[in-house]
Amino acid sequence: MKTVLITGCSSGFGLDTARLFVARGWKVVVTMRTPRADLLPTSDNLRVLALDVTDAQSIREALDAAGPIDVLVNNAGIGMLGALEGTPMPTVRDVFETNTFGTIALTQAVLPQMRARRAGVVVNVTSTVTLRPSPLLSVYTASKAAVNAFTESLALELALHGVQVRLVLPGRAPDTRFGENARPRMAESFPPAYEALAQDVFADWQKQTLVTQSADVAEAVWRAATDPSCPMRLPAGADAEQLAAQV
């Protein structure tokens, strides 16, 4: 039985991905900063561990407890909505610590075991905003675009060692907690000069009819993890697929 470790499973993409892998018979290691086993089905093949991807000791402890990992899904992330002019640099660093450096750090920690076995898959979840940027998402987009570039280079780096690296790009997903999670970092990020732009952007988002559901992302992650012939980049969701076909 293969084992997948998934980060950021308290809601949205991570939670639905964990449920899917459990339903399809995998051993699943679910991680989140504050563990909540009640969010997931009861299963002998499921473990819930505490993991803060920005903390080196937390990473070591989680991997020691998890044991050998066949697939790593780097899904943990935080949102950021706001005009750059009003965004404090500590907030910028906070976003990059989780979205970018956390992904890199956890991947680096898992790779020795995969390389030694000459087998394994790393799946990084980013966003289609890296394909068609939106205003007021400059910091978030930069943090995810860095992961895109990291993934593409890493795929070449690990190919000779039998380890595959994949990228899943979800579209806009109203059934996740992106906005809720971003709100604490929005307070200072909308100077008066950008309020009109913010209203226009939010209104445009409300008009969009094609969206991504968490289940779409879970299926894309499943394919990335289990189909050796799939492309390195996988758009997830109707809007993501439409956008990917245009760029």
C-alpha atoms as a PDB file:
ATOM      1  CA  MET A   1       0.000   0.000   0.000  1.00  0.00           C
ATOM      2  CA  LYS A   2       1.422   3.378  -1.027  1.00  0.00           C
ATOM      3  CA  THR A   3       1.599   6.377   1.280  1.00  0.00           C
ATOM      4  CA  VAL A   4       0.814  10.003   0.448  1.00  0.00           C
ATOM      5  CA  LEU A   5       1.579  12.954   2.711  1.00  0.00           C
ATOM      6  CA  ILE A   6      -0.594  16.000   2.075  1.00  0.00           C
ATOM      7  CA  THR A   7      -0.062  19.430   3.619  1.00  0.00           C
ATOM      8  CA  GLY A   8      -2.708  22.044   4.376  1.00  0.00           C
ATOM      9  CA  CYS A   9      -5.609  19.645   4.974  1.00  0.00           C
ATOM     10  CA  SER A  10      -7.782  21.709   7.307  1.00  0.00           C
ATOM     11  CA  SER A  11     -10.027  22.825   4.423  1.00  0.00           C
ATOM     12  CA  GLY A  12     -10.432  23.169   0.673  1.00  0.00           C
ATOM     13  CA  PHE A  13      -8.086  21.422  -1.735  1.00  0.00           C
ATOM     14  CA  GLY A  14      -6.082  19.552   0.886  1.00  0.00           C
ATOM     15  CA  LEU A  15      -9.108  18.213   2.722  1.00  0.00           C
ATOM     16  CA  ASP A  16     -10.843  16.946  -0.425  1.00  0.00           C
ATOM     17  CA  THR A  17      -7.597  15.467  -1.727  1.00  0.00           C
ATOM     18  CA  ALA A  18      -7.074  13.565   1.522  1.00  0.00           C
ATOM     19  CA  ARG A  19     -10.625  12.209   1.395  1.00  0.00           C
ATOM     20  CA  LEU A  20     -10.125  11.056  -2.197  1.00  0.00           C
ATOM     21  CA  PHE A  21      -6.893   9.183  -1.489  1.00  0.00           C
ATOM     22  CA  VAL A  22      -8.444   7.485   1.556  1.00  0.00           C
ATOM     23  CA  ALA A  23     -11.467   6.426  -0.516  1.00  0.00           C
ATOM     24  CA  ARG A  24      -9.171   4.927  -3.158  1.00  0.00           C
ATOM     25  CA  GLY A  25      -7.268   2.770  -0.740  1.00  0.00           C
ATOM     26  CA  TRP A  26      -4.064   4.671  -0.022  1.00  0.00           C
ATOM     27  CA  LYS A  27      -2.360   5.165   3.297  1.00  0.00           C
ATOM     28  CA  VAL A  28      -2.815   8.882   3.886  1.00  0.00           C
ATOM     29  CA  VAL A  29      -0.811  11.132   6.179  1.00  0.00           C
ATOM     30  CA  VAL A  30      -2.840  14.288   6.665  1.00  0.00           C
ATOM     31  CA  THR A  31      -1.009  17.327   8.015  1.00  0.00           C
ATOM     32  CA  MET A  32      -2.124  20.711   9.286  1.00  0.00           C
ATOM     33  CA  ARG A  33      -0.868  23.238  11.789  1.00  0.00           C
ATOM     34  CA  THR A  34      -3.612  22.363  14.265  1.00  0.00           C
ATOM     35  CA  PRO A  35      -4.639  18.708  13.781  1.00  0.00           C
ATOM     36  CA  ARG A  36      -8.387  17.968  13.512  1.00  0.00           C
ATOM     37  CA  ALA A  37      -9.178  14.319  12.950  1.00  0.00           C
ATOM     38  CA  ASP A  38     -12.918  15.052  13.023  1.00  0.00           C
ATOM     39  CA  LEU A  39     -12.720  16.583   9.535  1.00  0.00           C
ATOM     40  CA  LEU A  40     -11.886  13.234   7.942  1.00  0.00           C
ATOM     41  CA  PRO A  41     -13.471   9.798   7.665  1.00  0.00           C
ATOM     42  CA  THR A  42     -12.495   7.121  10.166  1.00  0.00           C
ATOM     43  CA  SER A  43      -9.924   4.808   8.587  1.00  0.00           C
ATOM     44  CA  ASP A  44      -7.086   2.569   9.743  1.00  0.00           C
ATOM     45  CA  ASN A  45      -5.110   3.941   6.790  1.00  0.00           C
ATOM     46  CA  LEU A  46      -5.342   7.568   7.900  1.00  0.00           C
ATOM     47  CA  ARG A  47      -3.025   9.504  10.211  1.00  0.00           C
ATOM     48  CA  VAL A  48      -3.381  13.153  11.199  1.00  0.00           C
ATOM     49  CA  LEU A  49      -0.155  14.940  12.148  1.00  0.00           C
ATOM     50  CA  ALA A  50       0.778  18.445  13.191  1.00  0.00           C
ATOM     51  CA  LEU A  51       3.000  20.178  10.644  1.00  0.00           C
ATOM     52  CA  ASP A  52       4.078  23.781  10.214  1.00  0.00           C
ATOM     53  CA  VAL A  53       5.988  23.936   6.936  1.00  0.00           C
ATOM     54  CA  THR A  54       7.765  27.102   8.075  1.00  0.00           C
ATOM     55  CA  ASP A  55       9.355  25.329  11.062  1.00  0.00           C
ATOM     56  CA  ALA A  56      12.322  22.974  10.493  1.00  0.00           C
ATOM     57  CA  GLN A  57      11.756  21.025  13.696  1.00  0.00           C
ATOM     58  CA  SER A  58       8.075  20.548  12.886  1.00  0.00           C
ATOM     59  CA  ILE A  59       9.057  19.169   9.477  1.00  0.00           C
ATOM     60  CA  ARG A  60      11.539  16.713  11.006  1.00  0.00           C
ATOM     61  CA  GLU A  61       9.056  15.486  13.611  1.00  0.00           C
ATOM     62  CA  ALA A  62       6.255  15.014  11.076  1.00  0.00           C
ATOM     63  CA  LEU A  63       8.434  13.064   8.658  1.00  0.00           C
ATOM     64  CA  ASP A  64       9.819  10.873  11.436  1.00  0.00           C
ATOM     65  CA  ALA A  65       6.267  10.044  12.487  1.00  0.00           C
ATOM     66  CA  ALA A  66       5.018   9.520   8.933  1.00  0.00           C
ATOM     67  CA  GLY A  67       7.619   6.972   7.837  1.00  0.00           C
ATOM     68  CA  PRO A  68       8.385   6.303   4.139  1.00  0.00           C
ATOM     69  CA  ILE A  69       6.501   8.586   1.750  1.00  0.00           C
ATOM     70  CA  ASP A  70       5.684   7.594  -1.831  1.00  0.00           C
ATOM     71  CA  VAL A  71       3.937  10.840  -2.794  1.00  0.00           C
ATOM     72  CA  LEU A  72       4.315  14.319  -1.313  1.00  0.00           C
ATOM     73  CA  VAL A  73       1.556  16.832  -2.021  1.00  0.00           C
ATOM     74  CA  ASN A  74       2.627  20.385  -1.205  1.00  0.00           C
ATOM     75  CA  ASN A  75      -0.741  22.074  -0.838  1.00  0.00           C
ATOM     76  CA  ALA A  76      -0.310  24.249   2.273  1.00  0.00           C
ATOM     77  CA  GLY A  77      -0.580  27.930   1.498  1.00  0.00           C
ATOM     78  CA  ILE A  78      -1.931  31.279   2.619  1.00  0.00           C
ATOM     79  CA  GLY A  79      -3.777  33.887   0.594  1.00  0.00           C
ATOM     80  CA  MET A  80      -2.898  37.533   0.170  1.00  0.00           C
ATOM     81  CA  LEU A  81      -5.194  40.190  -1.296  1.00  0.00           C
ATOM     82  CA  GLY A  82      -4.044  43.774  -1.418  1.00  0.00           C
ATOM     83  CA  ALA A  83      -2.247  46.543  -3.235  1.00  0.00           C
ATOM     84  CA  LEU A  84       1.506  46.200  -2.918  1.00  0.00           C
ATOM     85  CA  GLU A  85       1.875  49.839  -1.857  1.00  0.00           C
ATOM     86  CA  GLY A  86      -0.076  49.144   1.321  1.00  0.00           C
ATOM     87  CA  THR A  87       1.362  45.713   2.116  1.00  0.00           C
ATOM     88  CA  PRO A  88       3.967  45.683   4.919  1.00  0.00           C
ATOM     89  CA  MET A  89       7.119  43.758   4.128  1.00  0.00           C
ATOM     90  CA  PRO A  90       6.634  41.423   7.132  1.00  0.00           C
ATOM     91  CA  THR A  91       3.368  40.353   5.488  1.00  0.00           C
ATOM     92  CA  VAL A  92       5.149  39.756   2.178  1.00  0.00           C
ATOM     93  CA  ARG A  93       7.720  37.599   3.948  1.00  0.00           C
ATOM     94  CA  ASP A  94       4.974  35.710   5.790  1.00  0.00           C
ATOM     95  CA  VAL A  95       3.326  34.747   2.493  1.00  0.00           C
ATOM     96  CA  PHE A  96       6.612  33.606   0.970  1.00  0.00           C
ATOM     97  CA  GLU A  97       7.596  31.670   4.101  1.00  0.00           C
ATOM     98  CA  THR A  98       4.562  29.419   3.753  1.00  0.00           C
ATOM     99  CA  ASN A  99       3.816  29.357   0.035  1.00  0.00           C
ATOM    100  CA  THR A 100       7.362  29.235  -1.316  1.00  0.00           C
ATOM    101  CA  PHE A 101       9.996  28.462   1.304  1.00  0.00           C
ATOM    102  CA  GLY A 102       7.749  25.982   3.129  1.00  0.00           C
ATOM    103  CA  THR A 103       7.200  24.043  -0.091  1.00  0.00           C
ATOM    104  CA  ILE A 104      10.931  24.019  -0.825  1.00  0.00           C
ATOM    105  CA  ALA A 105      11.907  23.030   2.726  1.00  0.00           C
ATOM    106  CA  LEU A 106       9.500  20.102   2.973  1.00  0.00           C
ATOM    107  CA  THR A 107      10.425  18.852  -0.485  1.00  0.00           C
ATOM    108  CA  GLN A 108      14.111  19.014   0.385  1.00  0.00           C
ATOM    109  CA  ALA A 109      13.474  16.988   3.551  1.00  0.00           C
ATOM    110  CA  VAL A 110      11.555  14.250   1.707  1.00  0.00           C
ATOM    111  CA  LEU A 111      13.854  13.859  -1.303  1.00  0.00           C
ATOM    112  CA  PRO A 112      16.640  11.711   0.241  1.00  0.00           C
ATOM    113  CA  GLN A 113      14.264   8.798   0.869  1.00  0.00           C
ATOM    114  CA  MET A 114      12.731   9.049  -2.611  1.00  0.00           C
ATOM    115  CA  ARG A 115      16.112   9.278  -4.298  1.00  0.00           C
ATOM    116  CA  ALA A 116      17.398   6.283  -2.326  1.00  0.00           C
ATOM    117  CA  ARG A 117      14.437   4.198  -3.541  1.00  0.00           C
ATOM    118  CA  ARG A 118      14.615   5.720  -7.041  1.00  0.00           C
ATOM    119  CA  ALA A 119      10.865   6.216  -6.808  1.00  0.00           C
ATOM    120  CA  GLY A 120       8.431   8.866  -5.675  1.00  0.00           C
ATOM    121  CA  VAL A 121       6.274  11.771  -6.822  1.00  0.00           C
ATOM    122  CA  VAL A 122       6.224  15.381  -5.639  1.00  0.00           C
ATOM    123  CA  VAL A 123       3.046  17.308  -6.490  1.00  0.00           C
ATOM    124  CA  ASN A 124       3.066  21.068  -5.979  1.00  0.00           C
ATOM    125  CA  VAL A 125      -0.254  22.931  -5.951  1.00  0.00           C
ATOM    126  CA  THR A 126      -0.049  26.554  -7.112  1.00  0.00           C
ATOM    127  CA  SER A 127      -2.592  28.664  -9.055  1.00  0.00           C
ATOM    128  CA  THR A 128      -3.618  29.824 -12.508  1.00  0.00           C
ATOM    129  CA  VAL A 129      -3.025  33.409 -11.393  1.00  0.00           C
ATOM    130  CA  THR A 130       0.549  32.600 -12.376  1.00  0.00           C
ATOM    131  CA  LEU A 131      -0.691  32.195 -15.975  1.00  0.00           C
ATOM    132  CA  ARG A 132      -2.907  35.287 -16.081  1.00  0.00           C
ATOM    133  CA  PRO A 133      -2.086  37.637 -13.217  1.00  0.00           C
ATOM    134  CA  SER A 134      -4.759  39.703 -11.510  1.00  0.00           C
ATOM    135  CA  PRO A 135      -4.368  43.066  -9.794  1.00  0.00           C
ATOM    136  CA  LEU A 136      -4.242  43.007  -5.982  1.00  0.00           C
ATOM    137  CA  LEU A 137      -2.625  39.576  -5.999  1.00  0.00           C
ATOM    138  CA  SER A 138       0.948  40.573  -6.782  1.00  0.00           C
ATOM    139  CA  VAL A 139       2.513  39.129  -3.622  1.00  0.00           C
ATOM    140  CA  TYR A 140       0.485  35.922  -3.714  1.00  0.00           C
ATOM    141  CA  THR A 141       1.153  35.484  -7.446  1.00  0.00           C
ATOM    142  CA  ALA A 142       4.879  35.994  -6.976  1.00  0.00           C
ATOM    143  CA  SER A 143       4.999  33.385  -4.205  1.00  0.00           C
ATOM    144  CA  LYS A 144       3.216  30.825  -6.376  1.00  0.00           C
ATOM    145  CA  ALA A 145       5.087  31.681  -9.586  1.00  0.00           C
ATOM    146  CA  ALA A 146       8.330  30.975  -7.741  1.00  0.00           C
ATOM    147  CA  VAL A 147       7.011  27.486  -6.952  1.00  0.00           C
ATOM    148  CA  ASN A 148       6.174  26.974 -10.639  1.00  0.00           C
ATOM    149  CA  ALA A 149       9.751  27.734 -11.637  1.00  0.00           C
ATOM    150  CA  PHE A 150      11.105  25.650  -8.758  1.00  0.00           C
ATOM    151  CA  THR A 151       8.960  22.704  -9.864  1.00  0.00           C
ATOM    152  CA  GLU A 152      10.022  22.860 -13.499  1.00  0.00           C
ATOM    153  CA  SER A 153      13.703  22.954 -12.647  1.00  0.00           C
ATOM    154  CA  LEU A 154      13.389  20.287  -9.965  1.00  0.00           C
ATOM    155  CA  ALA A 155      11.665  17.941 -12.408  1.00  0.00           C
ATOM    156  CA  LEU A 156      14.771  18.017 -14.601  1.00  0.00           C
ATOM    157  CA  GLU A 157      17.044  17.665 -11.582  1.00  0.00           C
ATOM    158  CA  LEU A 158      15.328  14.536 -10.253  1.00  0.00           C
ATOM    159  CA  ALA A 159      14.487  12.725 -13.503  1.00  0.00           C
ATOM    160  CA  LEU A 160      17.777  10.799 -13.413  1.00  0.00           C
ATOM    161  CA  HIS A 161      16.934   9.569  -9.901  1.00  0.00           C
ATOM    162  CA  GLY A 162      13.511   8.155 -10.782  1.00  0.00           C
ATOM    163  CA  VAL A 163      11.546  10.837  -8.930  1.00  0.00           C
ATOM    164  CA  GLN A 164       8.717  12.618 -10.749  1.00  0.00           C
ATOM    165  CA  VAL A 165       7.643  16.195 -10.069  1.00  0.00           C
ATOM    166  CA  ARG A 166       4.251  17.562 -11.069  1.00  0.00           C
ATOM    167  CA  LEU A 167       2.451  20.904 -10.922  1.00  0.00           C
ATOM    168  CA  VAL A 168      -1.306  21.292 -10.347  1.00  0.00           C
ATOM    169  CA  LEU A 169      -2.774  24.706 -11.187  1.00  0.00           C
ATOM    170  CA  PRO A 170      -6.279  25.328  -9.799  1.00  0.00           C
ATOM    171  CA  GLY A 171      -8.456  28.122 -11.063  1.00  0.00           C
ATOM    172  CA  ARG A 172     -10.601  30.400  -8.899  1.00  0.00           C
ATOM    173  CA  ALA A 173     -12.239  28.281  -6.233  1.00  0.00           C
ATOM    174  CA  PRO A 174     -15.164  29.821  -4.297  1.00  0.00           C
ATOM    175  CA  ASP A 175     -15.578  26.693  -2.137  1.00  0.00           C
ATOM    176  CA  THR A 176     -12.232  27.184  -0.384  1.00  0.00           C
ATOM    177  CA  ARG A 177     -11.223  29.499   2.481  1.00  0.00           C
ATOM    178  CA  PHE A 178      -8.828  31.597   0.359  1.00  0.00           C
ATOM    179  CA  GLY A 179     -10.615  34.870   1.061  1.00  0.00           C
ATOM    180  CA  GLU A 180     -11.172  34.046   4.721  1.00  0.00           C
ATOM    181  CA  ASN A 181      -7.539  33.098   5.210  1.00  0.00           C
ATOM    182  CA  ALA A 182      -6.361  36.195   3.379  1.00  0.00           C
ATOM    183  CA  ARG A 183      -8.523  38.614   5.373  1.00  0.00           C
ATOM    184  CA  PRO A 184      -6.166  39.014   8.367  1.00  0.00           C
ATOM    185  CA  ARG A 185      -3.488  40.239   5.970  1.00  0.00           C
ATOM    186  CA  MET A 186      -5.811  42.680   4.149  1.00  0.00           C
ATOM    187  CA  ALA A 187      -6.363  45.324   6.829  1.00  0.00           C
ATOM    188  CA  GLU A 188      -3.528  47.638   5.779  1.00  0.00           C
ATOM    189  CA  SER A 189      -3.345  46.565   2.159  1.00  0.00           C
ATOM    190  CA  PHE A 190      -5.961  48.766   0.515  1.00  0.00           C
ATOM    191  CA  PRO A 191      -4.862  52.425   0.610  1.00  0.00           C
ATOM    192  CA  PRO A 192      -7.639  54.826  -0.481  1.00  0.00           C
ATOM    193  CA  ALA A 193      -6.045  55.242  -3.912  1.00  0.00           C
ATOM    194  CA  TYR A 194      -6.790  51.559  -4.659  1.00  0.00           C
ATOM    195  CA  GLU A 195     -10.322  51.244  -3.279  1.00  0.00           C
ATOM    196  CA  ALA A 196     -12.024  51.780  -6.657  1.00  0.00           C
ATOM    197  CA  LEU A 197      -9.791  49.170  -8.272  1.00  0.00           C
ATOM    198  CA  ALA A 198     -10.571  46.732  -5.486  1.00  0.00           C
ATOM    199  CA  GLN A 199     -14.314  47.156  -6.005  1.00  0.00           C
ATOM    200  CA  ASP A 200     -13.916  46.554  -9.759  1.00  0.00           C
ATOM    201  CA  VAL A 201     -11.805  43.434  -9.198  1.00  0.00           C
ATOM    202  CA  PHE A 202     -14.229  41.937  -6.679  1.00  0.00           C
ATOM    203  CA  ALA A 203     -17.186  42.682  -8.971  1.00  0.00           C
ATOM    204  CA  ASP A 204     -15.416  40.985 -11.876  1.00  0.00           C
ATOM    205  CA  TRP A 205     -14.773  37.887  -9.780  1.00  0.00           C
ATOM    206  CA  GLN A 206     -18.476  37.675  -8.935  1.00  0.00           C
ATOM    207  CA  LYS A 207     -19.353  37.645 -12.652  1.00  0.00           C
ATOM    208  CA  GLN A 208     -17.193  34.632 -13.463  1.00  0.00           C
ATOM    209  CA  THR A 209     -19.262  31.541 -14.192  1.00  0.00           C
ATOM    210  CA  LEU A 210     -16.490  28.997 -14.784  1.00  0.00           C
ATOM    211  CA  VAL A 211     -14.843  28.105 -11.489  1.00  0.00           C
ATOM    212  CA  THR A 212     -12.779  25.357  -9.884  1.00  0.00           C
ATOM    213  CA  GLN A 213     -14.216  23.041  -7.260  1.00  0.00           C
ATOM    214  CA  SER A 214     -12.053  21.397  -4.621  1.00  0.00           C
ATOM    215  CA  ALA A 215     -13.026  18.025  -6.089  1.00  0.00           C
ATOM    216  CA  ASP A 216     -11.461  19.096  -9.412  1.00  0.00           C
ATOM    217  CA  VAL A 217      -8.161  19.746  -7.686  1.00  0.00           C
ATOM    218  CA  ALA A 218      -8.305  16.456  -5.813  1.00  0.00           C
ATOM    219  CA  GLU A 219      -8.750  14.575  -9.093  1.00  0.00           C
ATOM    220  CA  ALA A 220      -5.880  16.471 -10.706  1.00  0.00           C
ATOM    221  CA  VAL A 221      -3.603  15.667  -7.759  1.00  0.00           C
ATOM    222  CA  TRP A 222      -4.652  12.013  -7.988  1.00  0.00           C
ATOM    223  CA  ARG A 223      -3.707  11.913 -11.660  1.00  0.00           C
ATOM    224  CA  ALA A 224      -0.407  13.656 -10.984  1.00  0.00           C
ATOM    225  CA  ALA A 225       0.385  11.119  -8.288  1.00  0.00           C
ATOM    226  CA  THR A 226      -0.657   7.969 -10.120  1.00  0.00           C
ATOM    227  CA  ASP A 227      -0.306   8.507 -13.892  1.00  0.00           C
ATOM    228  CA  PRO A 228       3.359   8.464 -14.993  1.00  0.00           C
ATOM    229  CA  SER A 229       2.342   9.605 -18.493  1.00  0.00           C
ATOM    230  CA  CYS A 230       0.498  12.769 -17.424  1.00  0.00           C
ATOM    231  CA  PRO A 231       1.959  16.170 -18.358  1.00  0.00           C
ATOM    232  CA  MET A 232       4.049  17.997 -15.808  1.00  0.00           C
ATOM    233  CA  ARG A 233       1.516  20.865 -15.634  1.00  0.00           C
ATOM    234  CA  LEU A 234      -2.099  19.963 -14.855  1.00  0.00           C
ATOM    235  CA  PRO A 235      -4.794  22.673 -14.840  1.00  0.00           C
ATOM    236  CA  ALA A 236      -7.574  21.848 -12.371  1.00  0.00           C
ATOM    237  CA  GLY A 237     -11.124  23.059 -12.973  1.00  0.00           C
ATOM    238  CA  ALA A 238     -13.135  24.274 -15.958  1.00  0.00           C
ATOM    239  CA  ASP A 239     -11.810  27.831 -15.757  1.00  0.00           C
ATOM    240  CA  ALA A 240      -8.234  26.605 -15.319  1.00  0.00           C
ATOM    241  CA  GLU A 241      -8.475  24.323 -18.353  1.00  0.00           C
ATOM    242  CA  GLN A 242      -9.919  27.133 -20.474  1.00  0.00           C
ATOM    243  CA  LEU A 243      -7.177  29.523 -19.402  1.00  0.00           C
ATOM    244  CA  ALA A 244      -4.388  26.991 -19.920  1.00  0.00           C
ATOM    245  CA  ALA A 245      -5.601  26.429 -23.488  1.00  0.00           C
ATOM    246  CA  GLN A 246      -5.302  30.162 -24.186  1.00  0.00           C
ATOM    247  CA  VAL A 247      -1.731  30.698 -23.010  1.00  0.00           C
END
